[in-house]
Amino acid sequence: MTDKLTVSVLGTGIMGAAMARNIARAGHTVRAWNRTRAKADPLAAEGVHIVDTPAQAVQDTDVVLTMLYDGPAALETMREAAPALRPGIAWVQSTTAGIEGIADLAAFAREHGLVFYDAPVLGTRQPAEAGQLTVLAAGPAEGRDRVTPVFDAVGARTVWTGEDGAAGGATRLKLVANSWVLAVTAAAGEALALAKALDVDPHAFFDLVAGGPLDMGYLRAKSELVLDDRLTPPQFSVTTAAKDARLIVRAGADNGVRLDVAEAAATRMERAAAQGHADEDMVAAYFASFDEKPNS
């Protein structure tokens, strides 16, 4: 097959826009669609072809990449694209859709003869823009030569979890990884909130754990977003984090595991969103510790 592909990117939010940009920079033809076209239009300056409908995006494409809010949004979009889909197209499904969501999407792929790759990514805005995401992938070995250039364009590493995308092995690994990310993010916010309540300089806490097993670059990076009031643009929004937390809680419940920390993280994210922080970085769950926004 040719070294250069035509790739259709459906969904150009924080992650999808960065992925589309990097795929185009790698020399591939990219057609992008977003429900709100204004969010996709800036990609035209990067050589990305912006279209008005999902069907226009997938016409005569080699690879479809979906990066939407959740499983139902991905399924609805692919149904809109269905009239232009041809059997044999590779579908790289990167939306964090949850286990049930992946089952529904894989069923759609079978119905339309698409080669399905379960391929969520690990990373936020900054690594996405730098093409340094980690791609978690599951799908048939035959045909990987078609999707590997896409993975190489958006990520620094691809972790293959199996050959059956419908089994959701990549999504399952993503949920486990996200459960840790959400736990650390929520704990960082609570530590900062407690420091404020007890009149403790948060940097005294950072100095206390510096260089030891409790130190973590992620803790410092996320905390500085709160301390410096740099919560926008978000690396990963409160709303999306809340959605992912609920997917994690449900996955645990469906498999006989009670996830108290994930449940608490979901509640904190939802409370912060209700306070007006929905579109800020997920560490804005810090504000869920207060009835009103604290004075800086």
Protein backbone atom coordinates (compact mmCIF):
# COMPACT_ATOMS: atom_id res chain seq x y z
CA MET A 1 0.00 0.00 0.00
CA THR A 2 0.99 3.63 -0.41
CA ASP A 3 3.05 5.26 2.32
CA LYS A 4 0.59 8.16 2.50
CA LEU A 5 -2.95 7.69 3.69
CA THR A 6 -6.24 9.51 3.62
CA VAL A 7 -7.38 9.76 7.24
CA SER A 8 -10.77 10.98 8.40
CA VAL A 9 -10.79 12.52 11.89
CA LEU A 10 -14.23 12.75 13.44
CA GLY A 11 -14.13 14.98 16.50
CA THR A 12 -11.71 17.90 16.86
CA GLY A 13 -11.81 18.79 20.52
CA ILE A 14 -8.68 19.12 22.65
CA MET A 15 -7.33 15.73 21.64
CA GLY A 16 -8.83 15.25 18.19
CA ALA A 17 -7.57 18.58 16.88
CA ALA A 18 -4.01 17.85 17.99
CA MET A 19 -4.15 14.38 16.48
CA ALA A 20 -5.49 15.66 13.16
CA ARG A 21 -2.75 18.30 13.05
CA ASN A 22 0.01 15.77 13.66
CA ILE A 23 -1.34 13.29 11.14
CA ALA A 24 -1.35 16.07 8.53
CA ARG A 25 2.19 17.10 9.51
CA ALA A 26 3.28 13.51 8.91
CA GLY A 27 2.29 13.96 5.27
CA HIS A 28 -1.08 12.23 5.20
CA THR A 29 -4.25 13.69 3.70
CA VAL A 30 -6.60 14.55 6.56
CA ARG A 31 -10.30 15.35 6.40
CA ALA A 32 -11.77 16.57 9.68
CA TRP A 33 -15.30 17.00 10.92
CA ASN A 34 -16.62 18.41 14.17
CA ARG A 35 -20.21 18.96 15.31
CA THR A 36 -19.32 22.61 15.90
CA ARG A 37 -17.43 23.46 12.74
CA ALA A 38 -15.81 26.56 14.23
CA LYS A 39 -13.68 24.29 16.42
CA ALA A 40 -12.34 22.51 13.34
CA ASP A 41 -11.80 25.52 11.06
CA PRO A 42 -8.40 26.55 12.53
CA LEU A 43 -6.98 23.21 11.34
CA ALA A 44 -7.32 24.40 7.73
CA ALA A 45 -4.17 26.47 8.25
CA GLU A 46 -2.35 23.16 8.88
CA GLY A 47 -3.51 21.67 5.58
CA VAL A 48 -6.44 19.75 7.05
CA HIS A 49 -9.55 19.64 4.85
CA ILE A 50 -12.59 20.68 6.91
CA VAL A 51 -15.93 19.18 5.87
CA ASP A 52 -19.54 19.67 6.90
CA THR A 53 -20.70 16.11 7.52
CA PRO A 54 -19.25 12.81 8.75
CA ALA A 55 -20.20 11.22 5.43
CA GLN A 56 -18.11 13.77 3.53
CA ALA A 57 -15.19 13.09 5.85
CA VAL A 58 -15.13 9.32 5.28
CA GLN A 59 -15.65 9.34 1.50
CA ASP A 60 -12.89 7.23 -0.13
CA THR A 61 -10.80 7.22 3.07
CA ASP A 62 -8.27 4.66 4.23
CA VAL A 63 -8.66 5.17 7.97
CA VAL A 64 -11.40 6.67 10.12
CA LEU A 65 -10.32 7.98 13.53
CA THR A 66 -13.01 8.84 16.07
CA MET A 67 -12.16 11.04 19.04
CA LEU A 68 -15.48 12.14 20.48
CA TYR A 69 -16.96 12.75 23.92
CA ASP A 70 -18.27 9.26 24.65
CA GLY A 71 -19.50 6.00 23.13
CA PRO A 72 -23.00 7.20 22.18
CA ALA A 73 -21.53 10.27 20.44
CA ALA A 74 -19.12 8.06 18.48
CA LEU A 75 -21.90 5.67 17.48
CA GLU A 76 -24.22 8.49 16.40
CA THR A 77 -21.46 10.05 14.32
CA MET A 78 -20.57 6.78 12.61
CA ARG A 79 -24.24 6.23 11.80
CA GLU A 80 -24.23 9.62 10.11
CA ALA A 81 -21.13 8.56 8.18
CA ALA A 82 -22.54 5.13 7.25
CA PRO A 83 -23.78 5.98 3.72
CA ALA A 84 -20.19 6.77 2.65
CA LEU A 85 -18.41 3.95 4.49
CA ARG A 86 -17.08 1.13 2.37
CA PRO A 87 -16.24 -2.35 3.66
CA GLY A 88 -12.60 -2.83 4.58
CA ILE A 89 -11.95 0.66 5.93
CA ALA A 90 -9.88 0.65 9.11
CA TRP A 91 -11.66 2.28 12.02
CA VAL A 92 -9.39 3.58 14.79
CA GLN A 93 -11.74 4.16 17.73
CA SER A 94 -9.95 6.44 20.21
CA THR A 95 -12.92 7.77 22.16
CA THR A 96 -12.89 6.67 25.80
CA ALA A 97 -16.18 4.82 25.47
CA GLY A 98 -16.19 2.31 28.31
CA ILE A 99 -16.59 -1.43 28.03
CA GLU A 100 -20.26 -1.44 27.01
CA GLY A 101 -19.64 1.40 24.59
CA ILE A 102 -16.87 -0.52 22.85
CA ALA A 103 -19.17 -3.52 22.43
CA ASP A 104 -21.76 -1.33 20.68
CA LEU A 105 -19.15 0.28 18.43
CA ALA A 106 -17.59 -3.06 17.51
CA ALA A 107 -21.06 -4.36 16.58
CA PHE A 108 -21.48 -1.39 14.24
CA ALA A 109 -18.09 -2.16 12.69
CA ARG A 110 -19.08 -5.79 12.04
CA GLU A 111 -22.37 -4.70 10.52
CA HIS A 112 -20.57 -2.43 8.04
CA GLY A 113 -17.53 -4.60 7.34
CA LEU A 114 -15.05 -2.22 8.96
CA VAL A 115 -11.71 -3.37 10.39
CA PHE A 116 -12.09 -2.33 14.02
CA TYR A 117 -9.22 -1.11 16.20
CA ASP A 118 -9.92 -0.31 19.85
CA ALA A 119 -7.33 2.45 20.30
CA PRO A 120 -7.76 4.88 23.20
CA VAL A 121 -4.81 7.10 24.04
CA LEU A 122 -3.08 8.01 27.26
CA GLY A 123 -2.13 11.66 27.60
CA THR A 124 -3.58 15.15 27.72
CA ARG A 125 -3.38 18.35 25.68
CA GLN A 126 0.39 18.91 25.87
CA PRO A 127 1.54 15.41 24.81
CA ALA A 128 -1.24 15.34 22.20
CA GLU A 129 0.03 18.57 20.64
CA ALA A 130 3.60 17.24 20.71
CA GLY A 131 2.63 13.91 19.12
CA GLN A 132 3.79 12.15 22.29
CA LEU A 133 0.66 10.24 23.30
CA THR A 134 0.72 6.58 24.27
CA VAL A 135 -1.62 4.62 22.04
CA LEU A 136 -3.27 1.57 23.59
CA ALA A 137 -4.38 -0.63 20.73
CA ALA A 138 -6.18 -3.88 20.04
CA GLY A 139 -7.03 -5.17 16.59
CA PRO A 140 -6.11 -7.67 13.89
CA ALA A 141 -2.42 -8.08 13.06
CA GLU A 142 -3.34 -8.24 9.39
CA GLY A 143 -3.97 -4.64 8.44
CA ARG A 144 -1.88 -3.02 11.14
CA ASP A 145 0.38 -1.59 8.47
CA ARG A 146 -2.51 0.70 7.61
CA VAL A 147 -3.04 2.09 11.11
CA THR A 148 0.54 2.09 12.37
CA PRO A 149 1.46 5.30 10.46
CA VAL A 150 -1.47 7.02 12.18
CA PHE A 151 -0.36 5.79 15.59
CA ASP A 152 3.21 6.88 14.84
CA ALA A 153 2.00 10.37 13.91
CA VAL A 154 0.06 10.94 17.14
CA GLY A 155 2.07 8.96 19.65
CA ALA A 156 5.53 8.19 20.96
CA ARG A 157 4.60 4.62 21.84
CA THR A 158 1.99 2.04 20.88
CA VAL A 159 1.06 -0.71 23.33
CA TRP A 160 -0.72 -3.63 21.65
CA THR A 161 -3.07 -5.52 23.96
CA GLY A 162 -4.50 -8.12 21.59
CA GLU A 163 -5.87 -8.89 18.14
CA ASP A 164 -9.59 -8.54 18.86
CA GLY A 165 -10.65 -4.93 19.11
CA ALA A 166 -14.18 -5.98 20.04
CA ALA A 167 -12.87 -7.58 23.25
CA GLY A 168 -11.97 -4.09 24.47
CA GLY A 169 -8.56 -5.02 25.86
CA ALA A 170 -7.15 -1.56 25.13
CA THR A 171 -10.16 0.16 26.65
CA ARG A 172 -9.89 -1.97 29.77
CA LEU A 173 -6.26 -0.97 30.20
CA LYS A 174 -7.19 2.68 29.63
CA LEU A 175 -9.83 2.54 32.36
CA VAL A 176 -7.30 1.12 34.82
CA ALA A 177 -4.78 3.83 33.92
CA ASN A 178 -7.41 6.58 34.15
CA SER A 179 -8.54 5.32 37.56
CA TRP A 180 -5.04 6.10 38.82
CA VAL A 181 -4.88 9.49 37.07
CA LEU A 182 -8.23 10.53 38.55
CA ALA A 183 -7.29 9.33 42.03
CA VAL A 184 -4.03 11.31 41.98
CA THR A 185 -5.75 14.41 40.58
CA ALA A 186 -8.50 14.34 43.20
CA ALA A 187 -5.97 13.73 46.01
CA ALA A 188 -3.81 16.63 44.83
CA GLY A 189 -6.81 18.96 44.95
CA GLU A 190 -7.75 17.80 48.43
CA ALA A 191 -4.20 18.23 49.73
CA LEU A 192 -4.15 21.81 48.42
CA ALA A 193 -7.58 22.50 49.91
CA LEU A 194 -6.52 21.16 53.32
CA ALA A 195 -3.32 23.19 53.19
CA LYS A 196 -5.36 26.33 52.57
CA ALA A 197 -7.79 25.50 55.37
CA LEU A 198 -4.93 24.87 57.83
CA ASP A 199 -2.93 27.91 56.68
CA VAL A 200 -0.07 25.71 55.44
CA ASP A 201 2.08 26.93 52.56
CA PRO A 202 1.60 24.21 49.89
CA HIS A 203 5.24 24.58 48.91
CA ALA A 204 6.18 23.44 52.42
CA PHE A 205 4.34 20.21 51.59
CA PHE A 206 6.18 19.90 48.26
CA ASP A 207 9.52 20.45 50.06
CA LEU A 208 8.59 17.84 52.64
CA VAL A 209 8.09 15.06 50.06
CA ALA A 210 10.78 16.26 47.63
CA GLY A 211 12.93 13.46 46.25
CA GLY A 212 11.18 10.75 48.24
CA PRO A 213 8.76 7.98 47.24
CA LEU A 214 5.77 10.27 47.81
CA ASP A 215 7.07 12.91 45.41
CA MET A 216 5.54 13.04 41.95
CA GLY A 217 6.01 15.36 39.00
CA TYR A 218 2.32 15.05 38.20
CA LEU A 219 1.40 16.31 41.70
CA ARG A 220 3.55 19.39 41.24
CA ALA A 221 2.40 20.09 37.68
CA LYS A 222 -1.29 19.84 38.53
CA SER A 223 -0.93 21.78 41.78
CA GLU A 224 0.81 24.66 40.03
CA LEU A 225 -2.20 25.02 37.71
CA VAL A 226 -4.34 25.75 40.75
CA LEU A 227 -1.79 27.90 42.58
CA ASP A 228 -1.06 30.00 39.47
CA ASP A 229 -4.71 30.12 38.33
CA ARG A 230 -3.87 28.52 34.97
CA LEU A 231 -6.87 26.22 34.67
CA THR A 232 -7.69 27.23 31.11
CA PRO A 233 -7.17 26.08 28.49
CA PRO A 234 -7.56 22.66 30.13
CA GLN A 235 -5.19 19.78 29.62
CA PHE A 236 -8.20 17.55 30.28
CA SER A 237 -11.51 19.07 31.32
CA VAL A 238 -13.51 18.53 34.50
CA THR A 239 -16.55 17.40 32.48
CA THR A 240 -14.62 14.76 30.55
CA ALA A 241 -12.90 13.56 33.71
CA ALA A 242 -16.28 13.15 35.40
CA LYS A 243 -17.51 11.11 32.44
CA ASP A 244 -14.47 8.86 32.55
CA ALA A 245 -14.80 8.42 36.30
CA ARG A 246 -18.38 7.20 35.88
CA LEU A 247 -17.25 4.73 33.20
CA ILE A 248 -14.63 3.41 35.63
CA VAL A 249 -17.13 3.07 38.46
CA ARG A 250 -19.54 1.22 36.19
CA ALA A 251 -16.84 -1.10 34.89
CA GLY A 252 -15.92 -1.98 38.45
CA ALA A 253 -19.52 -2.54 39.52
CA ASP A 254 -20.26 -4.71 36.50
CA ASN A 255 -17.31 -6.89 37.43
CA GLY A 256 -17.93 -7.16 41.16
CA VAL A 257 -15.51 -4.49 42.34
CA ARG A 258 -16.46 -1.51 44.49
CA LEU A 259 -14.35 1.51 43.61
CA ASP A 260 -14.83 4.01 46.43
CA VAL A 261 -12.04 6.35 45.32
CA ALA A 262 -13.29 6.49 41.72
CA GLU A 263 -16.82 7.13 42.98
CA ALA A 264 -15.55 9.96 45.16
CA ALA A 265 -13.53 11.41 42.26
CA ALA A 266 -16.62 11.33 40.03
CA THR A 267 -18.65 13.14 42.68
CA ARG A 268 -15.96 15.79 43.16
CA MET A 269 -15.67 16.38 39.41
CA GLU A 270 -19.44 16.68 39.05
CA ARG A 271 -19.65 19.09 41.98
CA ALA A 272 -16.88 21.26 40.53
CA ALA A 273 -18.65 21.28 37.16
CA ALA A 274 -21.87 22.40 38.84
CA GLN A 275 -19.90 25.24 40.50
CA GLY A 276 -18.93 26.54 37.07
CA HIS A 277 -15.61 24.78 36.46
CA ALA A 278 -16.81 22.31 33.82
CA ASP A 279 -14.49 23.55 31.07
CA GLU A 280 -11.43 24.05 33.26
CA ASP A 281 -8.63 21.58 33.83
CA MET A 282 -9.73 18.55 35.85
CA VAL A 283 -7.61 19.61 38.83
CA ALA A 284 -10.24 22.35 39.28
CA ALA A 285 -12.02 19.63 41.28
CA TYR A 286 -10.01 21.38 44.01
CA PHE A 287 -12.92 23.82 44.27
CA ALA A 288 -15.31 21.02 45.17
CA SER A 289 -13.76 21.14 48.65
CA PHE A 290 -15.36 24.54 49.27
CA ASP A 291 -18.95 25.77 49.30
CA GLU A 292 -17.77 28.97 47.63
CA LYS A 293 -14.69 29.78 45.58
CA PRO A 294 -11.86 30.40 48.11
CA ASN A 295 -10.01 33.69 48.16
CA SER A 296 -6.54 33.40 46.60
